[in-house]
Amino acid sequence: MKPRLIVKSLAGLALVLGVASMAAPAGASTVTVTPNPVTVTPDQTTANVTASWTGLAANTLVFVDICKKSITDATFEVSADCGAYSGITPNGNAAGANSAVLEVFRGQDPAGESWGCFAADDQAPAGVTKYTTCYVRVTDNVVSNNDSDSETAITFSVSSGDVPEAPLTILLPVLGTLAALGGFFLIRRQTVSV
């Protein structure tokens, strides 16, 4: 192969790699929510979760919001699709990765908008659109920044809310054993101190 042809091939390869690296984001951000699904009791309307993110700009303000629509939807708009009162704005750190406690809502959006995040068997009030999958979205710098935002879907799981009772056949022997051990140690302590 001629040296000139090799140089042209390498230059072409470098150009392709350069364009590809410019098209891809420098570091794609990610967000996870724990626990997910969010377990709630039948009457519980809010729950605390931990939202953790990576890949955001270093030392910038982070916006964590609850949205009814995915950022992959072509019609997504932060102002229309995310809760007005359901977000938090923690400070980012030097690594661009951190976590914060976020209170998620179950039911109508706290701002009184006509949508809400519900468990599968929940009934939405009249005029409120029920979403059984909502999204926790993170971004940095400004809330409208769609260049580095990411999301994770969340759902609600309703527990029975009942505390199981221990049957007497288990509870009485356990209490008897504890009483006997307490008596044994009390007698032993008195014997040692004499």
N, C-alpha and C. Protein backbone atom coordinates (compact mmCIF):
# COMPACT_ATOMS: atom_id res chain seq x y z
N MET A 1 0.84 -1.17 0.00
CA MET A 1 0.00 0.00 0.00
C MET A 1 0.89 1.24 0.00
N LYS A 2 0.51 2.23 -0.76
CA LYS A 2 1.31 3.46 -0.88
C LYS A 2 1.18 4.29 0.39
N PRO A 3 2.26 4.96 0.78
CA PRO A 3 2.24 5.77 2.01
C PRO A 3 1.16 6.86 1.96
N ARG A 4 0.94 7.41 0.80
CA ARG A 4 -0.05 8.48 0.68
C ARG A 4 -1.46 7.93 0.94
N LEU A 5 -1.74 6.74 0.44
CA LEU A 5 -3.03 6.10 0.65
C LEU A 5 -3.24 5.75 2.13
N ILE A 6 -2.18 5.32 2.80
CA ILE A 6 -2.26 5.01 4.23
C ILE A 6 -2.59 6.27 5.02
N VAL A 7 -1.94 7.38 4.71
CA VAL A 7 -2.18 8.64 5.41
C VAL A 7 -3.63 9.09 5.20
N LYS A 8 -4.13 8.98 3.96
CA LYS A 8 -5.52 9.37 3.68
C LYS A 8 -6.49 8.47 4.45
N SER A 9 -6.21 7.17 4.52
CA SER A 9 -7.08 6.25 5.25
C SER A 9 -7.10 6.59 6.74
N LEU A 10 -5.93 6.85 7.29
CA LEU A 10 -5.85 7.20 8.71
C LEU A 10 -6.55 8.54 8.98
N ALA A 11 -6.41 9.48 8.09
CA ALA A 11 -7.08 10.78 8.25
C ALA A 11 -8.60 10.60 8.20
N GLY A 12 -9.06 9.77 7.30
CA GLY A 12 -10.50 9.50 7.21
C GLY A 12 -11.02 8.83 8.46
N LEU A 13 -10.26 7.86 8.98
CA LEU A 13 -10.64 7.17 10.21
C LEU A 13 -10.68 8.16 11.38
N ALA A 14 -9.71 9.02 11.48
CA ALA A 14 -9.66 10.02 12.55
C ALA A 14 -10.86 10.97 12.45
N LEU A 15 -11.23 11.34 11.23
CA LEU A 15 -12.38 12.22 11.04
C LEU A 15 -13.67 11.55 11.50
N VAL A 16 -13.84 10.27 11.11
CA VAL A 16 -15.03 9.53 11.51
C VAL A 16 -15.09 9.40 13.03
N LEU A 17 -13.98 9.05 13.66
CA LEU A 17 -13.95 8.92 15.12
C LEU A 17 -14.20 10.25 15.81
N GLY A 18 -13.67 11.32 15.26
CA GLY A 18 -13.88 12.65 15.83
C GLY A 18 -15.33 13.06 15.77
N VAL A 19 -15.99 12.83 14.65
CA VAL A 19 -17.41 13.17 14.50
C VAL A 19 -18.25 12.31 15.44
N ALA A 20 -17.93 11.03 15.55
CA ALA A 20 -18.68 10.14 16.43
C ALA A 20 -18.55 10.58 17.89
N SER A 21 -17.36 11.00 18.28
CA SER A 21 -17.19 11.41 19.67
C SER A 21 -17.88 12.73 19.95
N MET A 22 -18.01 13.60 18.94
CA MET A 22 -18.72 14.85 19.13
C MET A 22 -20.23 14.60 19.22
N ALA A 23 -20.74 13.63 18.50
CA ALA A 23 -22.17 13.35 18.50
C ALA A 23 -22.63 12.71 19.79
N ALA A 24 -21.79 11.90 20.42
CA ALA A 24 -22.16 11.23 21.66
C ALA A 24 -21.93 12.18 22.83
N PRO A 25 -22.79 12.16 23.84
CA PRO A 25 -22.57 13.00 25.00
C PRO A 25 -21.31 12.57 25.74
N ALA A 26 -20.65 13.55 26.36
CA ALA A 26 -19.39 13.29 27.05
C ALA A 26 -19.59 12.25 28.15
N GLY A 27 -20.65 12.34 28.89
CA GLY A 27 -20.94 11.37 29.93
C GLY A 27 -22.44 11.33 30.13
N ALA A 28 -23.06 10.28 29.74
CA ALA A 28 -24.51 10.19 29.86
C ALA A 28 -24.87 10.07 31.34
N SER A 29 -25.87 10.83 31.75
CA SER A 29 -26.29 10.76 33.14
C SER A 29 -27.25 9.59 33.35
N THR A 30 -27.31 9.12 34.59
CA THR A 30 -28.24 8.06 34.96
C THR A 30 -28.86 8.42 36.30
N VAL A 31 -30.03 7.86 36.56
CA VAL A 31 -30.69 8.04 37.85
C VAL A 31 -31.33 6.72 38.25
N THR A 32 -31.22 6.40 39.54
CA THR A 32 -31.90 5.23 40.10
C THR A 32 -32.71 5.69 41.31
N VAL A 33 -33.77 4.95 41.59
CA VAL A 33 -34.63 5.26 42.74
C VAL A 33 -34.77 3.99 43.58
N THR A 34 -34.56 4.13 44.88
CA THR A 34 -34.76 2.99 45.79
C THR A 34 -35.62 3.43 46.96
N PRO A 35 -36.57 2.65 47.39
CA PRO A 35 -37.00 1.41 46.76
C PRO A 35 -37.86 1.69 45.53
N ASN A 36 -37.91 0.74 44.66
CA ASN A 36 -38.74 0.84 43.46
C ASN A 36 -39.11 -0.57 43.03
N PRO A 37 -40.36 -0.96 43.07
CA PRO A 37 -41.55 -0.16 43.30
C PRO A 37 -41.59 0.41 44.72
N VAL A 38 -42.30 1.53 44.86
CA VAL A 38 -42.44 2.21 46.14
C VAL A 38 -43.60 1.56 46.89
N THR A 39 -43.30 0.93 48.03
CA THR A 39 -44.32 0.25 48.81
C THR A 39 -45.01 1.24 49.74
N VAL A 40 -46.34 1.27 49.67
CA VAL A 40 -47.14 2.16 50.51
C VAL A 40 -48.28 1.36 51.14
N THR A 41 -48.81 1.88 52.24
CA THR A 41 -49.99 1.28 52.87
C THR A 41 -51.22 1.80 52.11
N PRO A 42 -52.39 1.20 52.33
CA PRO A 42 -53.58 1.62 51.59
C PRO A 42 -53.90 3.11 51.71
N ASP A 43 -53.65 3.73 52.87
CA ASP A 43 -53.99 5.14 53.06
C ASP A 43 -52.81 6.09 52.86
N GLN A 44 -51.65 5.58 52.54
CA GLN A 44 -50.45 6.41 52.43
C GLN A 44 -50.42 7.17 51.10
N THR A 45 -50.22 8.50 51.17
CA THR A 45 -50.22 9.33 49.97
C THR A 45 -48.85 9.85 49.58
N THR A 46 -47.86 9.72 50.44
CA THR A 46 -46.48 10.11 50.11
C THR A 46 -45.53 9.06 50.67
N ALA A 47 -44.34 9.01 50.10
CA ALA A 47 -43.30 8.11 50.59
C ALA A 47 -41.94 8.71 50.26
N ASN A 48 -40.97 8.43 51.09
CA ASN A 48 -39.61 8.89 50.83
C ASN A 48 -38.84 7.81 50.08
N VAL A 49 -38.14 8.23 49.04
CA VAL A 49 -37.26 7.36 48.29
C VAL A 49 -35.90 8.04 48.20
N THR A 50 -34.90 7.28 47.80
CA THR A 50 -33.58 7.86 47.56
C THR A 50 -33.34 7.89 46.06
N ALA A 51 -33.12 9.08 45.54
CA ALA A 51 -32.78 9.25 44.13
C ALA A 51 -31.27 9.42 44.04
N SER A 52 -30.60 8.56 43.27
CA SER A 52 -29.15 8.61 43.10
C SER A 52 -28.84 8.85 41.63
N TRP A 53 -27.88 9.71 41.36
CA TRP A 53 -27.54 10.02 39.97
C TRP A 53 -26.05 10.02 39.75
N THR A 54 -25.68 9.85 38.49
CA THR A 54 -24.28 9.93 38.05
C THR A 54 -24.24 10.66 36.72
N GLY A 55 -23.08 11.12 36.34
CA GLY A 55 -22.86 11.66 35.01
C GLY A 55 -23.31 13.10 34.78
N LEU A 56 -23.61 13.83 35.84
CA LEU A 56 -23.98 15.24 35.67
C LEU A 56 -22.73 16.11 35.79
N ALA A 57 -22.86 17.37 35.44
CA ALA A 57 -21.73 18.29 35.52
C ALA A 57 -21.30 18.44 36.98
N ALA A 58 -20.03 18.65 37.19
CA ALA A 58 -19.48 18.79 38.54
C ALA A 58 -19.92 20.11 39.17
N ASN A 59 -20.23 20.05 40.46
CA ASN A 59 -20.51 21.23 41.28
C ASN A 59 -21.58 22.15 40.71
N THR A 60 -22.66 21.57 40.20
CA THR A 60 -23.77 22.37 39.71
C THR A 60 -25.03 22.00 40.46
N LEU A 61 -26.02 22.87 40.40
CA LEU A 61 -27.30 22.62 41.00
C LEU A 61 -27.98 21.49 40.25
N VAL A 62 -28.59 20.55 40.97
CA VAL A 62 -29.26 19.40 40.37
C VAL A 62 -30.76 19.56 40.58
N PHE A 63 -31.53 19.23 39.55
CA PHE A 63 -32.99 19.29 39.63
C PHE A 63 -33.53 17.86 39.57
N VAL A 64 -34.28 17.48 40.60
CA VAL A 64 -34.88 16.15 40.68
C VAL A 64 -36.39 16.35 40.71
N ASP A 65 -37.09 15.85 39.70
CA ASP A 65 -38.52 16.10 39.56
C ASP A 65 -39.29 14.80 39.32
N ILE A 66 -40.58 14.84 39.64
CA ILE A 66 -41.49 13.74 39.33
C ILE A 66 -42.32 14.16 38.13
N CYS A 67 -42.31 13.31 37.11
CA CYS A 67 -42.99 13.65 35.86
C CYS A 67 -43.99 12.56 35.48
N LYS A 68 -45.01 12.97 34.74
CA LYS A 68 -46.02 12.02 34.27
C LYS A 68 -45.66 11.41 32.93
N LYS A 69 -44.73 12.00 32.24
CA LYS A 69 -44.39 11.58 30.88
C LYS A 69 -42.89 11.36 30.79
N SER A 70 -42.48 10.41 29.98
CA SER A 70 -41.07 10.10 29.79
C SER A 70 -40.38 11.18 28.95
N ILE A 71 -39.11 11.40 29.24
CA ILE A 71 -38.34 12.36 28.44
C ILE A 71 -38.12 11.85 27.02
N THR A 72 -38.37 10.57 26.78
CA THR A 72 -38.22 10.03 25.42
C THR A 72 -39.43 10.36 24.55
N ASP A 73 -40.51 10.81 25.15
CA ASP A 73 -41.70 11.22 24.41
C ASP A 73 -41.39 12.53 23.68
N ALA A 74 -41.64 12.58 22.40
CA ALA A 74 -41.33 13.77 21.60
C ALA A 74 -42.08 15.01 22.07
N THR A 75 -43.20 14.82 22.77
CA THR A 75 -43.99 15.97 23.23
C THR A 75 -43.65 16.39 24.66
N PHE A 76 -42.63 15.78 25.27
CA PHE A 76 -42.28 16.07 26.66
C PHE A 76 -41.89 17.54 26.83
N GLU A 77 -42.49 18.18 27.86
CA GLU A 77 -42.12 19.54 28.27
C GLU A 77 -42.07 19.55 29.79
N VAL A 78 -40.98 20.02 30.33
CA VAL A 78 -40.80 20.02 31.79
C VAL A 78 -41.94 20.76 32.47
N SER A 79 -42.28 21.94 31.99
CA SER A 79 -43.29 22.76 32.67
C SER A 79 -44.68 22.13 32.64
N ALA A 80 -44.99 21.34 31.63
CA ALA A 80 -46.32 20.74 31.52
C ALA A 80 -46.38 19.31 32.06
N ASP A 81 -45.24 18.60 32.05
CA ASP A 81 -45.26 17.18 32.36
C ASP A 81 -44.62 16.79 33.69
N CYS A 82 -44.08 17.75 34.42
CA CYS A 82 -43.49 17.47 35.73
C CYS A 82 -44.23 18.27 36.80
N GLY A 83 -44.28 17.72 38.00
CA GLY A 83 -45.00 18.36 39.10
C GLY A 83 -44.36 19.67 39.51
N ALA A 84 -45.19 20.69 39.68
CA ALA A 84 -44.69 22.02 40.04
C ALA A 84 -44.14 22.07 41.47
N TYR A 85 -44.72 21.28 42.39
CA TYR A 85 -44.30 21.33 43.79
C TYR A 85 -43.64 20.03 44.26
N SER A 86 -43.31 19.15 43.35
CA SER A 86 -42.82 17.84 43.77
C SER A 86 -41.32 17.65 43.59
N GLY A 87 -40.60 18.66 43.20
CA GLY A 87 -39.18 18.52 42.94
C GLY A 87 -38.31 19.03 44.07
N ILE A 88 -37.04 18.66 44.01
CA ILE A 88 -36.04 19.16 44.94
C ILE A 88 -34.84 19.64 44.13
N THR A 89 -34.02 20.50 44.73
CA THR A 89 -32.84 21.03 44.03
C THR A 89 -31.61 20.93 44.92
N PRO A 90 -31.08 19.72 45.08
CA PRO A 90 -29.85 19.58 45.87
C PRO A 90 -28.64 20.10 45.10
N ASN A 91 -27.59 20.39 45.82
CA ASN A 91 -26.34 20.80 45.17
C ASN A 91 -25.61 19.57 44.67
N GLY A 92 -25.00 19.69 43.50
CA GLY A 92 -24.18 18.61 42.97
C GLY A 92 -22.83 18.58 43.66
N ASN A 93 -22.08 17.54 43.41
CA ASN A 93 -20.75 17.44 43.99
C ASN A 93 -19.69 17.42 42.89
N ALA A 94 -18.44 17.32 43.29
CA ALA A 94 -17.33 17.39 42.33
C ALA A 94 -17.33 16.22 41.35
N ALA A 95 -17.92 15.09 41.75
CA ALA A 95 -17.94 13.92 40.87
C ALA A 95 -19.14 13.91 39.93
N GLY A 96 -20.10 14.81 40.15
CA GLY A 96 -21.31 14.80 39.34
C GLY A 96 -22.20 13.62 39.66
N ALA A 97 -21.98 13.00 40.82
CA ALA A 97 -22.76 11.83 41.25
C ALA A 97 -23.08 12.02 42.72
N ASN A 98 -24.37 11.85 43.07
CA ASN A 98 -24.76 12.03 44.45
C ASN A 98 -26.13 11.39 44.65
N SER A 99 -26.74 11.62 45.79
CA SER A 99 -28.08 11.13 46.04
C SER A 99 -28.79 12.09 46.99
N ALA A 100 -30.12 12.01 47.00
CA ALA A 100 -30.92 12.85 47.88
C ALA A 100 -32.23 12.14 48.15
N VAL A 101 -32.84 12.46 49.28
CA VAL A 101 -34.15 11.91 49.62
C VAL A 101 -35.20 12.74 48.90
N LEU A 102 -36.10 12.05 48.23
CA LEU A 102 -37.18 12.69 47.48
C LEU A 102 -38.51 12.15 47.99
N GLU A 103 -39.44 13.04 48.28
CA GLU A 103 -40.78 12.62 48.67
C GLU A 103 -41.62 12.47 47.40
N VAL A 104 -42.04 11.25 47.12
CA VAL A 104 -42.89 11.01 45.96
C VAL A 104 -44.35 11.01 46.40
N PHE A 105 -45.23 11.43 45.53
CA PHE A 105 -46.65 11.50 45.87
C PHE A 105 -47.42 10.39 45.19
N ARG A 106 -48.43 9.89 45.90
CA ARG A 106 -49.36 8.91 45.35
C ARG A 106 -50.73 9.57 45.36
N GLY A 107 -51.25 9.77 44.19
CA GLY A 107 -52.51 10.49 44.06
C GLY A 107 -52.32 11.68 43.14
N GLN A 108 -53.23 12.64 43.27
CA GLN A 108 -53.16 13.82 42.41
C GLN A 108 -51.91 14.63 42.70
N ASP A 109 -51.36 15.23 41.67
CA ASP A 109 -50.19 16.09 41.79
C ASP A 109 -50.44 17.13 42.89
N PRO A 110 -49.48 17.37 43.79
CA PRO A 110 -49.67 18.31 44.90
C PRO A 110 -50.02 19.73 44.47
N ALA A 111 -49.69 20.11 43.25
CA ALA A 111 -50.01 21.45 42.78
C ALA A 111 -51.46 21.55 42.32
N GLY A 112 -52.20 20.44 42.38
CA GLY A 112 -53.60 20.44 41.98
C GLY A 112 -53.80 20.31 40.48
N GLU A 113 -52.75 19.90 39.77
CA GLU A 113 -52.88 19.70 38.33
C GLU A 113 -53.76 18.49 38.05
N SER A 114 -54.19 18.34 36.83
CA SER A 114 -55.19 17.30 36.50
C SER A 114 -54.56 15.95 36.17
N TRP A 115 -53.50 15.57 36.86
CA TRP A 115 -52.87 14.27 36.70
C TRP A 115 -52.29 13.83 38.03
N GLY A 116 -51.96 12.56 38.13
CA GLY A 116 -51.35 12.06 39.35
C GLY A 116 -50.71 10.71 39.14
N CYS A 117 -49.89 10.32 40.10
CA CYS A 117 -49.22 9.01 40.10
C CYS A 117 -50.00 8.10 41.05
N PHE A 118 -50.46 6.97 40.55
CA PHE A 118 -51.34 6.09 41.32
C PHE A 118 -50.83 4.66 41.29
N ALA A 119 -51.24 3.89 42.30
CA ALA A 119 -51.04 2.44 42.27
C ALA A 119 -52.07 1.86 41.31
N ALA A 120 -51.84 0.65 40.86
CA ALA A 120 -52.68 0.04 39.82
C ALA A 120 -54.16 -0.01 40.21
N ASP A 121 -54.48 -0.31 41.46
CA ASP A 121 -55.88 -0.45 41.87
C ASP A 121 -56.49 0.85 42.41
N ASP A 122 -55.75 1.94 42.44
CA ASP A 122 -56.27 3.22 42.93
C ASP A 122 -57.30 3.78 41.96
N GLN A 123 -58.26 4.50 42.51
CA GLN A 123 -59.24 5.23 41.70
C GLN A 123 -58.85 6.70 41.69
N ALA A 124 -58.70 7.26 40.51
CA ALA A 124 -58.38 8.67 40.39
C ALA A 124 -59.64 9.50 40.56
N PRO A 125 -59.55 10.66 41.20
CA PRO A 125 -60.72 11.54 41.30
C PRO A 125 -61.19 11.96 39.91
N ALA A 126 -62.43 12.37 39.84
CA ALA A 126 -62.99 12.83 38.56
C ALA A 126 -62.15 13.99 38.01
N GLY A 127 -61.85 13.92 36.73
CA GLY A 127 -61.09 14.97 36.07
C GLY A 127 -59.58 14.85 36.22
N VAL A 128 -59.10 13.81 36.92
CA VAL A 128 -57.66 13.62 37.12
C VAL A 128 -57.21 12.39 36.32
N THR A 129 -56.20 12.57 35.48
CA THR A 129 -55.68 11.47 34.68
C THR A 129 -54.78 10.60 35.55
N LYS A 130 -55.04 9.31 35.53
CA LYS A 130 -54.30 8.34 36.35
C LYS A 130 -53.10 7.80 35.57
N TYR A 131 -51.90 7.95 36.18
CA TYR A 131 -50.68 7.36 35.63
C TYR A 131 -50.19 6.32 36.63
N THR A 132 -50.06 5.07 36.20
CA THR A 132 -49.54 4.04 37.10
C THR A 132 -48.03 3.92 36.98
N THR A 133 -47.45 4.57 35.99
CA THR A 133 -46.00 4.69 35.87
C THR A 133 -45.68 6.17 35.78
N CYS A 134 -44.88 6.66 36.71
CA CYS A 134 -44.40 8.03 36.65
C CYS A 134 -42.88 7.96 36.54
N TYR A 135 -42.23 9.11 36.45
CA TYR A 135 -40.79 9.15 36.19
C TYR A 135 -40.12 10.12 37.14
N VAL A 136 -38.97 9.70 37.67
CA VAL A 136 -38.10 10.62 38.41
C VAL A 136 -37.03 11.06 37.43
N ARG A 137 -36.98 12.35 37.17
CA ARG A 137 -36.07 12.95 36.18
C ARG A 137 -35.02 13.78 36.91
N VAL A 138 -33.77 13.67 36.48
CA VAL A 138 -32.71 14.54 37.00
C VAL A 138 -32.04 15.27 35.85
N THR A 139 -31.62 16.47 36.14
CA THR A 139 -30.82 17.24 35.20
C THR A 139 -30.00 18.23 36.00
N ASP A 140 -29.13 18.96 35.35
CA ASP A 140 -28.30 19.93 36.07
C ASP A 140 -28.37 21.31 35.43
N ASN A 141 -27.86 22.28 36.15
CA ASN A 141 -27.72 23.66 35.71
C ASN A 141 -29.05 24.41 35.73
N VAL A 142 -30.00 24.06 34.86
CA VAL A 142 -31.35 24.64 34.86
C VAL A 142 -32.35 23.51 34.65
N VAL A 143 -33.56 23.68 35.18
CA VAL A 143 -34.55 22.61 35.12
C VAL A 143 -34.93 22.25 33.68
N SER A 144 -34.81 23.18 32.77
CA SER A 144 -35.18 22.93 31.37
C SER A 144 -34.05 22.30 30.56
N ASN A 145 -32.93 21.96 31.19
CA ASN A 145 -31.79 21.38 30.48
C ASN A 145 -32.13 19.96 30.03
N ASN A 146 -32.37 19.79 28.73
CA ASN A 146 -32.68 18.46 28.18
C ASN A 146 -31.44 17.76 27.63
N ASP A 147 -30.29 18.43 27.68
CA ASP A 147 -29.06 17.84 27.12
C ASP A 147 -28.45 16.80 28.03
N SER A 148 -28.61 16.95 29.35
CA SER A 148 -27.99 15.99 30.27
C SER A 148 -29.00 15.35 31.20
N ASP A 149 -30.29 15.40 30.86
CA ASP A 149 -31.27 14.82 31.75
C ASP A 149 -31.36 13.31 31.58
N SER A 150 -31.82 12.65 32.62
CA SER A 150 -32.07 11.21 32.58
C SER A 150 -33.24 10.93 33.52
N GLU A 151 -33.78 9.73 33.44
CA GLU A 151 -34.97 9.40 34.22
C GLU A 151 -34.98 7.93 34.57
N THR A 152 -35.84 7.59 35.52
CA THR A 152 -36.16 6.20 35.80
C THR A 152 -37.64 6.13 36.12
N ALA A 153 -38.29 5.08 35.66
CA ALA A 153 -39.72 4.89 35.90
C ALA A 153 -39.93 4.40 37.32
N ILE A 154 -41.02 4.88 37.95
CA ILE A 154 -41.39 4.40 39.28
C ILE A 154 -42.85 3.95 39.28
N THR A 155 -43.15 2.99 40.13
CA THR A 155 -44.51 2.51 40.33
C THR A 155 -44.75 2.36 41.82
N PHE A 156 -46.03 2.23 42.18
CA PHE A 156 -46.40 2.04 43.58
C PHE A 156 -46.93 0.62 43.78
N SER A 157 -46.58 0.04 44.92
CA SER A 157 -47.08 -1.27 45.33
C SER A 157 -47.75 -1.07 46.69
N VAL A 158 -49.02 -1.46 46.79
CA VAL A 158 -49.77 -1.26 48.02
C VAL A 158 -49.68 -2.51 48.88
N SER A 159 -49.20 -2.33 50.13
CA SER A 159 -49.14 -3.45 51.07
C SER A 159 -50.49 -3.56 51.77
N SER A 160 -50.70 -4.63 52.50
CA SER A 160 -51.98 -4.81 53.18
C SER A 160 -52.16 -3.82 54.31
N GLY A 161 -51.06 -3.34 54.86
CA GLY A 161 -51.14 -2.38 55.95
C GLY A 161 -51.39 -3.02 57.30
N ASP A 162 -51.68 -4.31 57.33
CA ASP A 162 -51.94 -5.01 58.59
C ASP A 162 -50.64 -5.49 59.20
N VAL A 163 -50.55 -5.35 60.51
CA VAL A 163 -49.41 -5.89 61.23
C VAL A 163 -49.81 -7.29 61.67
N PRO A 164 -49.09 -8.32 61.26
CA PRO A 164 -49.49 -9.67 61.63
C PRO A 164 -49.35 -9.88 63.13
N GLU A 165 -50.31 -10.58 63.68
CA GLU A 165 -50.28 -10.89 65.11
C GLU A 165 -49.54 -12.20 65.32
N ALA A 166 -48.77 -12.25 66.41
CA ALA A 166 -48.08 -13.48 66.76
C ALA A 166 -49.07 -14.38 67.49
N PRO A 167 -49.19 -15.64 67.11
CA PRO A 167 -50.12 -16.54 67.80
C PRO A 167 -49.62 -16.82 69.21
N LEU A 168 -50.58 -17.04 70.13
CA LEU A 168 -50.24 -17.29 71.52
C LEU A 168 -49.37 -18.53 71.69
N THR A 169 -49.50 -19.49 70.79
CA THR A 169 -48.69 -20.71 70.91
C THR A 169 -47.21 -20.41 70.71
N ILE A 170 -46.88 -19.30 70.07
CA ILE A 170 -45.49 -18.90 69.91
C ILE A 170 -45.11 -17.86 70.96
N LEU A 171 -46.02 -16.93 71.22
CA LEU A 171 -45.74 -15.81 72.11
C LEU A 171 -45.53 -16.26 73.56
N LEU A 172 -46.36 -17.16 74.08
CA LEU A 172 -46.24 -17.59 75.48
C LEU A 172 -44.92 -18.31 75.77
N PRO A 173 -44.47 -19.27 74.95
CA PRO A 173 -43.17 -19.88 75.23
C PRO A 173 -42.00 -18.89 75.16
N VAL A 174 -42.08 -17.94 74.24
CA VAL A 174 -41.01 -16.95 74.14
C VAL A 174 -40.97 -16.08 75.39
N LEU A 175 -42.13 -15.62 75.84
CA LEU A 175 -42.18 -14.80 77.06
C LEU A 175 -41.72 -15.62 78.28
N GLY A 176 -42.12 -16.89 78.35
CA GLY A 176 -41.69 -17.75 79.45
C GLY A 176 -40.18 -17.94 79.47
N THR A 177 -39.59 -18.13 78.31
CA THR A 177 -38.14 -18.30 78.21
C THR A 177 -37.43 -17.03 78.65
N LEU A 178 -37.93 -15.86 78.20
CA LEU A 178 -37.33 -14.59 78.61
C LEU A 178 -37.43 -14.38 80.12
N ALA A 179 -38.57 -14.73 80.72
CA ALA A 179 -38.75 -14.59 82.17
C ALA A 179 -37.78 -15.51 82.92
N ALA A 180 -37.63 -16.76 82.44
CA ALA A 180 -36.72 -17.70 83.09
C ALA A 180 -35.28 -17.22 83.00
N LEU A 181 -34.88 -16.73 81.83
CA LEU A 181 -33.51 -16.20 81.69
C LEU A 181 -33.28 -15.01 82.60
N GLY A 182 -34.27 -14.13 82.69
CA GLY A 182 -34.14 -12.97 83.57
C GLY A 182 -33.99 -13.39 85.01
N GLY A 183 -34.79 -14.36 85.45
CA GLY A 183 -34.68 -14.87 86.81
C GLY A 183 -33.33 -15.52 87.06
N PHE A 184 -32.82 -16.29 86.09
CA PHE A 184 -31.53 -16.95 86.22
C PHE A 184 -30.41 -15.93 86.43
N PHE A 185 -30.41 -14.88 85.59
CA PHE A 185 -29.36 -13.87 85.71
C PHE A 185 -29.49 -13.05 86.98
N LEU A 186 -30.71 -12.82 87.44
CA LEU A 186 -30.92 -12.09 88.69
C LEU A 186 -30.38 -12.90 89.87
N ILE A 187 -30.68 -14.20 89.93
CA ILE A 187 -30.19 -15.07 91.01
C ILE A 187 -28.67 -15.17 90.93
N ARG A 188 -28.14 -15.33 89.76
CA ARG A 188 -26.67 -15.46 89.59
C ARG A 188 -25.97 -14.18 90.03
N ARG A 189 -26.56 -13.04 89.71
CA ARG A 189 -25.96 -11.77 90.11
C ARG A 189 -25.94 -11.62 91.62
N GLN A 190 -27.05 -12.04 92.27
CA GLN A 190 -27.10 -11.96 93.73
C GLN A 190 -26.10 -12.92 94.37
N THR A 191 -25.90 -14.11 93.78
CA THR A 191 -24.96 -15.10 94.29
C THR A 191 -23.53 -14.58 94.18
N VAL A 192 -23.19 -13.95 93.05
CA VAL A 192 -21.84 -13.45 92.82
C VAL A 192 -21.52 -12.30 93.77
N SER A 193 -22.50 -11.44 94.05
CA SER A 193 -22.24 -10.27 94.88
C SER A 193 -22.17 -10.61 96.38
N VAL A 194 -22.60 -11.82 96.81
CA VAL A 194 -22.55 -12.20 98.23
C VAL A 194 -21.19 -12.62 98.63
